[in-house]
Structures are given as C-alpha cells and as structure tokens.
Amino acid sequence: YSAGMTRQKRVLTVFKDFCTGCRTCEIVCSLVHTGTVNPSLASVKLVHSQKDHSSFPIICRHCKNAPCKAACPIPYAMYIDEKTEAVVVNAEICIQCLACVEACPFAAIQVGPNKEILKCDLCAGEPLCAEHCPPVRHLYPHMPQPAQSCLQYVEPPKITKNKRQMVTKEA
C-alpha cells in the first residue's frame, strides 16, 4: 500500500459450496473460548439445510449498525472492538436478557446452556475457525480452481472476487 492508503478491515465470510459439514469450526471455537470440545458452547453453529441436504456455518457478520448492539439495554454490554471492528459482548455486565439474540436477523448469536451469550469476537482479529477450516475442492470436478475453505477471513473485495469466480466457472 502506498502512503496515505489504509488497509481494509477483513470480514469473516462463508462460502457455502465448500462446507463439508466437518464441524471443525464449532470444535475449534468451543476449545479456544471454553477450553473444552463442546460444540454447544461455540459461537459459530453448523446448520443443515433440509432443502438441499447441505451444511454450512452460521456466523456473526459484525454489522456496521448492528441490531444486536442497538437492542442491548445495558450500556457497554455490547461494544465495537477498535482493532477488529467486531461487535463484542462484555460478559461481566451482560444481564442475559437475550434482546441481542432476538434482534439478530441472521440467528448468529447463540445461547449457552447457562443462558450465556455466545457471540463471535473474531478471536482478536485472527478467527481460528477460519484458520482451521479445511480447504476442499469445489463439488463440481470440472471446475479447475484451487481448494478453498468454507470460512475465510478476507478483505471485502476478495469475497466478491471469489463468488464471481464460482459463478463464471459454473456458467
């Protein structure tokens, strides 16, 4: 980057076509944040589509004007991390009212077994779910593109580029 240009913030994104349903994202998330391998304590959740029998993770999108943060009645119980721009929960002052869960349009905020809020914090800028998501080749063997991971932490233009490559290869 040249002087005066700032690097774009990266975003955690899902490329559904590359998900194998391995649950590595849930396992890594729970292990890192709780010290146990317990997918019910992960802030990323693998869902299974009945429609096409596919699997893919539901992740927090850390919205710019986050409805979850706006719905929280306790000041500073949800805040924006200055380094990562992630919308983060301060568990020490959260009253577990679940207003954030109801407000999330993506169902990305989980509720733990003790009513604790399980929400992605981007692992301080290095999301381990994306780091450990195994790369796979696209399900269509005629598509000559490199293996990719389902979860990727990339700059926003790369999301568009990756999606566009998939669409043009399928056409």
N, C-alpha and C. Protein backbone atom coordinates (compact mmCIF):
# COMPACT_ATOMS: atom_id res chain seq x y z
N TYR A 1 0.83 -1.19 0.00
CA TYR A 1 0.00 0.00 0.00
C TYR A 1 0.87 1.24 0.00
N SER A 2 0.42 2.22 -0.72
CA SER A 2 1.19 3.47 -0.77
C SER A 2 0.83 4.34 0.43
N ALA A 3 1.63 5.36 0.62
CA ALA A 3 1.39 6.27 1.74
C ALA A 3 0.00 6.87 1.64
N GLY A 4 -0.66 6.96 2.75
CA GLY A 4 -1.99 7.54 2.78
C GLY A 4 -3.12 6.52 2.60
N MET A 5 -2.79 5.36 2.06
CA MET A 5 -3.83 4.33 1.89
C MET A 5 -3.90 3.49 3.17
N THR A 6 -5.09 3.19 3.56
CA THR A 6 -5.25 2.33 4.72
C THR A 6 -5.72 0.96 4.27
N ARG A 7 -5.30 -0.03 4.98
CA ARG A 7 -5.70 -1.39 4.65
C ARG A 7 -7.16 -1.58 5.07
N GLN A 8 -7.93 -2.24 4.22
CA GLN A 8 -9.33 -2.50 4.54
C GLN A 8 -9.41 -3.52 5.67
N LYS A 9 -10.42 -3.36 6.50
CA LYS A 9 -10.68 -4.35 7.54
C LYS A 9 -11.15 -5.62 6.88
N ARG A 10 -10.78 -6.73 7.44
CA ARG A 10 -11.21 -8.01 6.90
C ARG A 10 -12.54 -8.41 7.54
N VAL A 11 -13.24 -9.28 6.85
CA VAL A 11 -14.51 -9.79 7.35
C VAL A 11 -14.49 -11.32 7.29
N LEU A 12 -15.19 -11.91 8.22
CA LEU A 12 -15.36 -13.36 8.25
C LEU A 12 -16.54 -13.69 7.35
N THR A 13 -16.34 -14.56 6.40
CA THR A 13 -17.40 -14.88 5.45
C THR A 13 -17.49 -16.38 5.22
N VAL A 14 -18.64 -16.81 4.73
CA VAL A 14 -18.90 -18.22 4.46
C VAL A 14 -19.07 -18.44 2.97
N PHE A 15 -18.35 -19.42 2.44
CA PHE A 15 -18.53 -19.89 1.08
C PHE A 15 -19.18 -21.26 1.20
N LYS A 16 -20.51 -21.26 1.15
CA LYS A 16 -21.29 -22.47 1.44
C LYS A 16 -20.91 -23.68 0.60
N ASP A 17 -20.55 -23.46 -0.65
CA ASP A 17 -20.25 -24.58 -1.54
C ASP A 17 -19.03 -25.38 -1.10
N PHE A 18 -18.22 -24.85 -0.20
CA PHE A 18 -17.01 -25.54 0.24
C PHE A 18 -17.16 -26.19 1.61
N CYS A 19 -18.34 -26.12 2.21
CA CYS A 19 -18.54 -26.71 3.54
C CYS A 19 -18.79 -28.21 3.40
N THR A 20 -18.04 -28.98 4.18
CA THR A 20 -18.21 -30.44 4.18
C THR A 20 -19.03 -30.91 5.38
N GLY A 21 -19.36 -30.00 6.29
CA GLY A 21 -20.10 -30.38 7.49
C GLY A 21 -19.21 -31.03 8.54
N CYS A 22 -17.91 -30.80 8.48
CA CYS A 22 -16.97 -31.47 9.39
C CYS A 22 -17.05 -30.98 10.84
N ARG A 23 -17.62 -29.82 11.06
CA ARG A 23 -17.80 -29.22 12.39
C ARG A 23 -16.51 -28.74 13.04
N THR A 24 -15.43 -28.66 12.26
CA THR A 24 -14.17 -28.17 12.80
C THR A 24 -14.33 -26.77 13.37
N CYS A 25 -15.13 -25.93 12.72
CA CYS A 25 -15.34 -24.56 13.19
C CYS A 25 -15.92 -24.54 14.60
N GLU A 26 -16.92 -25.37 14.85
CA GLU A 26 -17.54 -25.43 16.18
C GLU A 26 -16.56 -25.98 17.22
N ILE A 27 -15.82 -26.99 16.84
CA ILE A 27 -14.87 -27.62 17.77
C ILE A 27 -13.78 -26.63 18.17
N VAL A 28 -13.19 -25.97 17.17
CA VAL A 28 -12.12 -25.00 17.44
C VAL A 28 -12.65 -23.84 18.28
N CYS A 29 -13.82 -23.33 17.93
CA CYS A 29 -14.40 -22.20 18.66
C CYS A 29 -14.63 -22.55 20.13
N SER A 30 -15.24 -23.69 20.37
CA SER A 30 -15.51 -24.06 21.77
C SER A 30 -14.21 -24.32 22.53
N LEU A 31 -13.25 -24.94 21.89
CA LEU A 31 -11.97 -25.24 22.56
C LEU A 31 -11.23 -23.95 22.92
N VAL A 32 -11.17 -23.02 21.99
CA VAL A 32 -10.45 -21.77 22.23
C VAL A 32 -11.12 -20.92 23.31
N HIS A 33 -12.45 -20.85 23.28
CA HIS A 33 -13.15 -19.95 24.20
C HIS A 33 -13.53 -20.58 25.54
N THR A 34 -13.60 -21.90 25.61
CA THR A 34 -14.01 -22.52 26.88
C THR A 34 -13.02 -23.56 27.39
N GLY A 35 -12.07 -23.95 26.56
CA GLY A 35 -11.11 -24.97 26.97
C GLY A 35 -11.64 -26.38 26.85
N THR A 36 -12.84 -26.53 26.30
CA THR A 36 -13.43 -27.86 26.11
C THR A 36 -13.92 -28.01 24.68
N VAL A 37 -13.94 -29.25 24.22
CA VAL A 37 -14.51 -29.53 22.91
C VAL A 37 -15.99 -29.80 23.13
N ASN A 38 -16.79 -28.76 22.91
CA ASN A 38 -18.21 -28.85 23.15
C ASN A 38 -18.93 -27.90 22.19
N PRO A 39 -19.34 -28.41 21.02
CA PRO A 39 -19.98 -27.55 20.03
C PRO A 39 -21.17 -26.74 20.55
N SER A 40 -21.81 -27.18 21.63
CA SER A 40 -22.92 -26.40 22.16
C SER A 40 -22.44 -25.10 22.80
N LEU A 41 -21.13 -24.97 23.01
CA LEU A 41 -20.57 -23.75 23.58
C LEU A 41 -19.84 -22.89 22.54
N ALA A 42 -20.04 -23.20 21.27
CA ALA A 42 -19.39 -22.44 20.20
C ALA A 42 -20.27 -21.28 19.77
N SER A 43 -19.64 -20.20 19.33
CA SER A 43 -20.42 -19.07 18.84
C SER A 43 -20.67 -19.19 17.34
N VAL A 44 -20.07 -20.15 16.70
CA VAL A 44 -20.38 -20.47 15.30
C VAL A 44 -21.19 -21.76 15.33
N LYS A 45 -22.23 -21.84 14.52
CA LYS A 45 -23.11 -23.02 14.52
C LYS A 45 -23.25 -23.57 13.12
N LEU A 46 -23.06 -24.86 12.99
CA LEU A 46 -23.27 -25.53 11.72
C LEU A 46 -24.76 -25.86 11.61
N VAL A 47 -25.35 -25.50 10.49
CA VAL A 47 -26.76 -25.82 10.25
C VAL A 47 -26.84 -26.74 9.03
N HIS A 48 -27.90 -27.50 9.00
CA HIS A 48 -28.12 -28.44 7.91
C HIS A 48 -29.40 -28.04 7.18
N SER A 49 -29.28 -27.86 5.88
CA SER A 49 -30.43 -27.48 5.07
C SER A 49 -31.20 -28.73 4.66
N GLN A 50 -32.47 -28.78 5.00
CA GLN A 50 -33.33 -29.88 4.59
C GLN A 50 -33.61 -29.81 3.09
N LYS A 51 -33.58 -28.59 2.56
CA LYS A 51 -33.92 -28.36 1.17
C LYS A 51 -32.94 -29.07 0.21
N ASP A 52 -31.64 -28.86 0.43
CA ASP A 52 -30.67 -29.46 -0.48
C ASP A 52 -29.65 -30.36 0.23
N HIS A 53 -29.90 -30.66 1.48
CA HIS A 53 -29.06 -31.56 2.29
C HIS A 53 -27.62 -31.06 2.42
N SER A 54 -27.44 -29.76 2.38
CA SER A 54 -26.11 -29.19 2.55
C SER A 54 -25.93 -28.74 4.00
N SER A 55 -24.71 -28.45 4.36
CA SER A 55 -24.37 -27.92 5.67
C SER A 55 -23.55 -26.66 5.48
N PHE A 56 -23.68 -25.74 6.42
CA PHE A 56 -22.85 -24.54 6.39
C PHE A 56 -22.92 -23.86 7.75
N PRO A 57 -21.86 -23.12 8.11
CA PRO A 57 -21.86 -22.43 9.40
C PRO A 57 -22.63 -21.12 9.36
N ILE A 58 -23.28 -20.82 10.46
CA ILE A 58 -23.91 -19.51 10.67
C ILE A 58 -22.92 -18.73 11.52
N ILE A 59 -22.55 -17.56 11.04
CA ILE A 59 -21.55 -16.75 11.74
C ILE A 59 -22.07 -15.34 11.94
N CYS A 60 -21.53 -14.67 12.92
CA CYS A 60 -21.85 -13.26 13.14
C CYS A 60 -21.22 -12.45 12.03
N ARG A 61 -21.97 -11.51 11.51
CA ARG A 61 -21.47 -10.67 10.41
C ARG A 61 -20.92 -9.34 10.91
N HIS A 62 -20.99 -9.09 12.19
CA HIS A 62 -20.46 -7.86 12.79
C HIS A 62 -20.93 -6.64 12.00
N CYS A 63 -22.23 -6.54 11.91
CA CYS A 63 -22.88 -5.49 11.13
C CYS A 63 -22.40 -4.09 11.53
N LYS A 64 -22.36 -3.21 10.55
CA LYS A 64 -21.92 -1.84 10.82
C LYS A 64 -22.85 -1.15 11.80
N ASN A 65 -24.15 -1.23 11.59
CA ASN A 65 -25.14 -0.68 12.53
C ASN A 65 -25.85 -1.87 13.17
N ALA A 66 -25.12 -2.60 13.97
CA ALA A 66 -25.55 -3.89 14.50
C ALA A 66 -26.87 -3.81 15.27
N PRO A 67 -27.90 -4.53 14.78
CA PRO A 67 -29.17 -4.55 15.50
C PRO A 67 -29.04 -5.16 16.90
N CYS A 68 -28.11 -6.09 17.07
CA CYS A 68 -27.93 -6.71 18.40
C CYS A 68 -27.43 -5.67 19.40
N LYS A 69 -26.46 -4.87 18.97
CA LYS A 69 -25.91 -3.83 19.85
C LYS A 69 -26.97 -2.78 20.16
N ALA A 70 -27.74 -2.41 19.15
CA ALA A 70 -28.80 -1.41 19.35
C ALA A 70 -29.88 -1.91 20.30
N ALA A 71 -30.14 -3.22 20.28
CA ALA A 71 -31.20 -3.79 21.13
C ALA A 71 -30.76 -3.97 22.58
N CYS A 72 -29.48 -3.98 22.82
CA CYS A 72 -28.97 -4.22 24.18
C CYS A 72 -29.32 -3.05 25.10
N PRO A 73 -30.02 -3.32 26.20
CA PRO A 73 -30.43 -2.24 27.09
C PRO A 73 -29.35 -1.76 28.06
N ILE A 74 -28.24 -2.49 28.14
CA ILE A 74 -27.18 -2.15 29.09
C ILE A 74 -26.02 -1.47 28.37
N PRO A 75 -25.74 -0.22 28.72
CA PRO A 75 -24.62 0.47 28.06
C PRO A 75 -23.31 -0.30 28.22
N TYR A 76 -22.62 -0.46 27.12
CA TYR A 76 -21.31 -1.10 27.04
C TYR A 76 -21.32 -2.61 27.27
N ALA A 77 -22.51 -3.22 27.37
CA ALA A 77 -22.54 -4.69 27.44
C ALA A 77 -22.21 -5.27 26.07
N MET A 78 -22.49 -4.50 25.02
CA MET A 78 -22.04 -4.84 23.67
C MET A 78 -21.31 -3.61 23.16
N TYR A 79 -20.14 -3.84 22.62
CA TYR A 79 -19.34 -2.72 22.14
C TYR A 79 -18.59 -3.14 20.87
N ILE A 80 -18.02 -2.15 20.21
CA ILE A 80 -17.26 -2.41 18.99
C ILE A 80 -15.78 -2.40 19.33
N ASP A 81 -15.12 -3.51 19.06
CA ASP A 81 -13.68 -3.61 19.29
C ASP A 81 -12.98 -2.70 18.28
N GLU A 82 -12.14 -1.80 18.76
CA GLU A 82 -11.49 -0.82 17.89
C GLU A 82 -10.56 -1.45 16.87
N LYS A 83 -9.88 -2.51 17.25
CA LYS A 83 -8.90 -3.16 16.35
C LYS A 83 -9.60 -3.94 15.24
N THR A 84 -10.58 -4.75 15.60
CA THR A 84 -11.19 -5.67 14.62
C THR A 84 -12.52 -5.19 14.07
N GLU A 85 -13.11 -4.20 14.71
CA GLU A 85 -14.46 -3.72 14.40
C GLU A 85 -15.52 -4.78 14.64
N ALA A 86 -15.19 -5.77 15.45
CA ALA A 86 -16.15 -6.81 15.83
C ALA A 86 -17.09 -6.26 16.90
N VAL A 87 -18.35 -6.67 16.82
CA VAL A 87 -19.32 -6.35 17.85
C VAL A 87 -19.16 -7.43 18.92
N VAL A 88 -18.75 -7.03 20.11
CA VAL A 88 -18.34 -7.96 21.15
C VAL A 88 -19.23 -7.82 22.38
N VAL A 89 -19.43 -8.93 23.08
CA VAL A 89 -20.21 -8.94 24.32
C VAL A 89 -19.26 -8.84 25.51
N ASN A 90 -19.59 -7.95 26.44
CA ASN A 90 -18.86 -7.87 27.71
C ASN A 90 -19.64 -8.73 28.69
N ALA A 91 -19.20 -9.97 28.87
CA ALA A 91 -19.92 -10.94 29.70
C ALA A 91 -20.05 -10.50 31.16
N GLU A 92 -19.15 -9.65 31.62
CA GLU A 92 -19.20 -9.21 33.01
C GLU A 92 -20.39 -8.31 33.32
N ILE A 93 -20.88 -7.57 32.33
CA ILE A 93 -22.02 -6.69 32.60
C ILE A 93 -23.28 -7.09 31.84
N CYS A 94 -23.17 -8.10 30.98
CA CYS A 94 -24.35 -8.60 30.26
C CYS A 94 -25.34 -9.17 31.26
N ILE A 95 -26.62 -8.82 31.13
CA ILE A 95 -27.64 -9.32 32.06
C ILE A 95 -28.40 -10.52 31.49
N GLN A 96 -27.96 -11.01 30.35
CA GLN A 96 -28.54 -12.19 29.71
C GLN A 96 -30.04 -12.04 29.44
N CYS A 97 -30.44 -10.86 28.99
CA CYS A 97 -31.85 -10.62 28.69
C CYS A 97 -32.26 -11.20 27.34
N LEU A 98 -31.27 -11.52 26.51
CA LEU A 98 -31.46 -12.14 25.19
C LEU A 98 -32.02 -11.19 24.13
N ALA A 99 -32.05 -9.90 24.42
CA ALA A 99 -32.52 -8.93 23.43
C ALA A 99 -31.66 -8.98 22.17
N CYS A 100 -30.36 -9.20 22.33
CA CYS A 100 -29.46 -9.27 21.18
C CYS A 100 -29.78 -10.49 20.31
N VAL A 101 -30.12 -11.59 20.94
CA VAL A 101 -30.45 -12.81 20.22
C VAL A 101 -31.69 -12.58 19.36
N GLU A 102 -32.70 -11.97 19.94
CA GLU A 102 -33.94 -11.69 19.21
C GLU A 102 -33.72 -10.69 18.08
N ALA A 103 -32.79 -9.76 18.26
CA ALA A 103 -32.57 -8.70 17.28
C ALA A 103 -31.72 -9.14 16.08
N CYS A 104 -30.93 -10.18 16.25
CA CYS A 104 -30.04 -10.60 15.16
C CYS A 104 -30.84 -11.19 14.00
N PRO A 105 -30.78 -10.58 12.81
CA PRO A 105 -31.55 -11.09 11.68
C PRO A 105 -30.96 -12.36 11.07
N PHE A 106 -29.77 -12.76 11.51
CA PHE A 106 -29.09 -13.92 10.94
C PHE A 106 -29.05 -15.12 11.88
N ALA A 107 -29.64 -15.01 13.06
CA ALA A 107 -29.60 -16.07 14.07
C ALA A 107 -28.16 -16.47 14.38
N ALA A 108 -27.28 -15.48 14.44
CA ALA A 108 -25.86 -15.75 14.63
C ALA A 108 -25.40 -15.67 16.08
N ILE A 109 -26.28 -15.25 16.99
CA ILE A 109 -25.91 -15.20 18.40
C ILE A 109 -26.50 -16.42 19.08
N GLN A 110 -25.65 -17.19 19.70
CA GLN A 110 -26.07 -18.43 20.34
C GLN A 110 -26.30 -18.19 21.83
N VAL A 111 -27.09 -19.06 22.41
CA VAL A 111 -27.33 -19.02 23.86
C VAL A 111 -26.81 -20.33 24.42
N GLY A 112 -25.92 -20.23 25.39
CA GLY A 112 -25.33 -21.41 26.00
C GLY A 112 -26.27 -22.07 26.99
N PRO A 113 -25.84 -23.22 27.52
CA PRO A 113 -26.70 -23.98 28.44
C PRO A 113 -27.04 -23.24 29.73
N ASN A 114 -26.22 -22.26 30.12
CA ASN A 114 -26.50 -21.47 31.32
C ASN A 114 -26.98 -20.07 30.97
N LYS A 115 -27.60 -19.96 29.78
CA LYS A 115 -28.16 -18.70 29.28
C LYS A 115 -27.09 -17.66 28.96
N GLU A 116 -25.82 -18.08 28.86
CA GLU A 116 -24.77 -17.15 28.49
C GLU A 116 -24.83 -16.85 26.99
N ILE A 117 -24.44 -15.64 26.64
CA ILE A 117 -24.45 -15.21 25.25
C ILE A 117 -23.15 -15.67 24.60
N LEU A 118 -23.30 -16.42 23.51
CA LEU A 118 -22.14 -16.92 22.77
C LEU A 118 -22.12 -16.19 21.43
N LYS A 119 -21.21 -15.24 21.30
CA LYS A 119 -21.14 -14.40 20.11
C LYS A 119 -19.70 -14.28 19.66
N CYS A 120 -19.49 -14.39 18.37
CA CYS A 120 -18.15 -14.31 17.79
C CYS A 120 -17.46 -13.00 18.19
N ASP A 121 -16.18 -13.12 18.55
CA ASP A 121 -15.38 -11.93 18.84
C ASP A 121 -14.21 -11.81 17.87
N LEU A 122 -14.23 -12.62 16.80
CA LEU A 122 -13.18 -12.67 15.78
C LEU A 122 -11.83 -13.05 16.35
N CYS A 123 -11.80 -13.67 17.51
CA CYS A 123 -10.54 -14.14 18.11
C CYS A 123 -9.45 -13.07 18.05
N ALA A 124 -9.80 -11.86 18.43
CA ALA A 124 -8.87 -10.73 18.46
C ALA A 124 -8.26 -10.43 17.10
N GLY A 125 -8.98 -10.74 16.03
CA GLY A 125 -8.51 -10.41 14.70
C GLY A 125 -7.91 -11.57 13.92
N GLU A 126 -7.86 -12.73 14.51
CA GLU A 126 -7.37 -13.93 13.82
C GLU A 126 -8.33 -15.08 14.09
N PRO A 127 -9.51 -15.07 13.45
CA PRO A 127 -10.51 -16.09 13.75
C PRO A 127 -9.99 -17.51 13.48
N LEU A 128 -9.91 -18.27 14.54
CA LEU A 128 -9.34 -19.61 14.44
C LEU A 128 -10.25 -20.57 13.70
N CYS A 129 -11.55 -20.30 13.66
CA CYS A 129 -12.45 -21.15 12.88
C CYS A 129 -12.06 -21.11 11.41
N ALA A 130 -11.74 -19.92 10.90
CA ALA A 130 -11.33 -19.77 9.51
C ALA A 130 -9.94 -20.35 9.28
N GLU A 131 -9.07 -20.16 10.25
CA GLU A 131 -7.70 -20.67 10.12
C GLU A 131 -7.68 -22.20 10.04
N HIS A 132 -8.58 -22.85 10.76
CA HIS A 132 -8.58 -24.31 10.81
C HIS A 132 -9.61 -24.97 9.90
N CYS A 133 -10.40 -24.18 9.20
CA CYS A 133 -11.39 -24.73 8.28
C CYS A 133 -10.64 -25.40 7.13
N PRO A 134 -10.85 -26.71 6.92
CA PRO A 134 -10.06 -27.41 5.91
C PRO A 134 -10.43 -27.01 4.49
N PRO A 135 -9.43 -26.72 3.67
CA PRO A 135 -9.73 -26.39 2.27
C PRO A 135 -10.16 -27.64 1.50
N VAL A 136 -11.14 -27.46 0.65
CA VAL A 136 -11.63 -28.56 -0.18
C VAL A 136 -11.79 -28.06 -1.61
N ARG A 137 -11.82 -28.96 -2.52
CA ARG A 137 -12.09 -28.61 -3.91
C ARG A 137 -13.59 -28.42 -4.06
N HIS A 138 -13.98 -27.62 -5.02
CA HIS A 138 -15.40 -27.38 -5.27
C HIS A 138 -16.07 -28.70 -5.60
N LEU A 139 -17.34 -28.81 -5.30
CA LEU A 139 -18.07 -30.05 -5.51
C LEU A 139 -18.21 -30.43 -6.98
N TYR A 140 -17.93 -29.48 -7.88
CA TYR A 140 -18.04 -29.76 -9.31
C TYR A 140 -16.64 -30.03 -9.86
N PRO A 141 -16.30 -31.27 -10.18
CA PRO A 141 -14.93 -31.61 -10.58
C PRO A 141 -14.45 -30.93 -11.86
N HIS A 142 -15.36 -30.47 -12.71
CA HIS A 142 -14.96 -29.81 -13.94
C HIS A 142 -14.49 -28.37 -13.72
N MET A 143 -14.52 -27.92 -12.48
CA MET A 143 -14.14 -26.54 -12.18
C MET A 143 -12.67 -26.50 -11.76
N PRO A 144 -11.79 -26.03 -12.62
CA PRO A 144 -10.36 -26.01 -12.30
C PRO A 144 -9.97 -24.83 -11.43
N GLN A 145 -10.32 -24.89 -10.17
CA GLN A 145 -9.91 -23.83 -9.26
C GLN A 145 -9.31 -24.47 -8.02
N PRO A 146 -8.45 -23.74 -7.33
CA PRO A 146 -7.79 -24.31 -6.16
C PRO A 146 -8.78 -24.60 -5.03
N ALA A 147 -8.36 -25.47 -4.14
CA ALA A 147 -9.18 -25.77 -2.97
C ALA A 147 -9.35 -24.51 -2.13
N GLN A 148 -10.53 -24.35 -1.54
CA GLN A 148 -10.80 -23.21 -0.67
C GLN A 148 -11.46 -23.70 0.60
N SER A 149 -11.36 -22.88 1.62
CA SER A 149 -12.04 -23.16 2.87
C SER A 149 -13.43 -22.53 2.84
N CYS A 150 -14.33 -23.13 3.54
CA CYS A 150 -15.69 -22.60 3.66
C CYS A 150 -15.67 -21.27 4.41
N LEU A 151 -14.93 -21.21 5.51
CA LEU A 151 -14.81 -19.98 6.29
C LEU A 151 -13.52 -19.26 5.90
N GLN A 152 -13.65 -18.00 5.54
CA GLN A 152 -12.48 -17.22 5.17
C GLN A 152 -12.55 -15.85 5.83
N TYR A 153 -11.40 -15.36 6.25
CA TYR A 153 -11.28 -14.03 6.85
C TYR A 153 -10.52 -13.18 5.84
N VAL A 154 -11.25 -12.40 5.05
CA VAL A 154 -10.67 -11.72 3.91
C VAL A 154 -11.11 -10.27 3.83
N GLU A 155 -10.42 -9.51 2.99
CA GLU A 155 -10.85 -8.15 2.71
C GLU A 155 -12.10 -8.22 1.84
N PRO A 156 -13.06 -7.32 2.02
CA PRO A 156 -14.33 -7.40 1.30
C PRO A 156 -14.25 -7.60 -0.22
N PRO A 157 -13.34 -6.94 -0.94
CA PRO A 157 -13.31 -7.18 -2.39
C PRO A 157 -12.99 -8.64 -2.75
N LYS A 158 -12.26 -9.34 -1.89
CA LYS A 158 -11.93 -10.75 -2.16
C LYS A 158 -13.18 -11.62 -2.10
N ILE A 159 -14.14 -11.25 -1.28
CA ILE A 159 -15.40 -12.01 -1.22
C ILE A 159 -16.06 -11.96 -2.60
N THR A 160 -16.18 -10.76 -3.14
CA THR A 160 -16.79 -10.60 -4.45
C THR A 160 -16.03 -11.36 -5.51
N LYS A 161 -14.71 -11.27 -5.48
CA LYS A 161 -13.88 -11.96 -6.47
C LYS A 161 -14.09 -13.48 -6.38
N ASN A 162 -14.06 -14.03 -5.17
CA ASN A 162 -14.24 -15.48 -5.01
C ASN A 162 -15.63 -15.92 -5.47
N LYS A 163 -16.65 -15.17 -5.12
CA LYS A 163 -18.01 -15.52 -5.54
C LYS A 163 -18.15 -15.43 -7.06
N ARG A 164 -17.57 -14.39 -7.64
CA ARG A 164 -17.65 -14.20 -9.09
C ARG A 164 -16.95 -15.35 -9.81
N GLN A 165 -15.82 -15.81 -9.30
CA GLN A 165 -15.12 -16.93 -9.92
C GLN A 165 -15.99 -18.18 -9.91
N MET A 166 -16.70 -18.39 -8.83
CA MET A 166 -17.57 -19.58 -8.74
C MET A 166 -18.70 -19.48 -9.75
N VAL A 167 -19.31 -18.31 -9.89
CA VAL A 167 -20.42 -18.13 -10.81
C VAL A 167 -19.97 -18.29 -12.25
N THR A 168 -18.85 -17.66 -12.62
CA THR A 168 -18.39 -17.74 -14.01
C THR A 168 -17.90 -19.12 -14.38
N LYS A 169 -17.37 -19.87 -13.42
CA LYS A 169 -16.91 -21.23 -13.71
C LYS A 169 -18.10 -22.17 -13.92
N GLU A 170 -19.21 -21.88 -13.22
CA GLU A 170 -20.39 -22.74 -13.33
C GLU A 170 -21.18 -22.46 -14.60
N ALA A 171 -21.05 -21.24 -15.15
CA ALA A 171 -21.84 -20.85 -16.34
C ALA A 171 -21.34 -21.54 -17.60
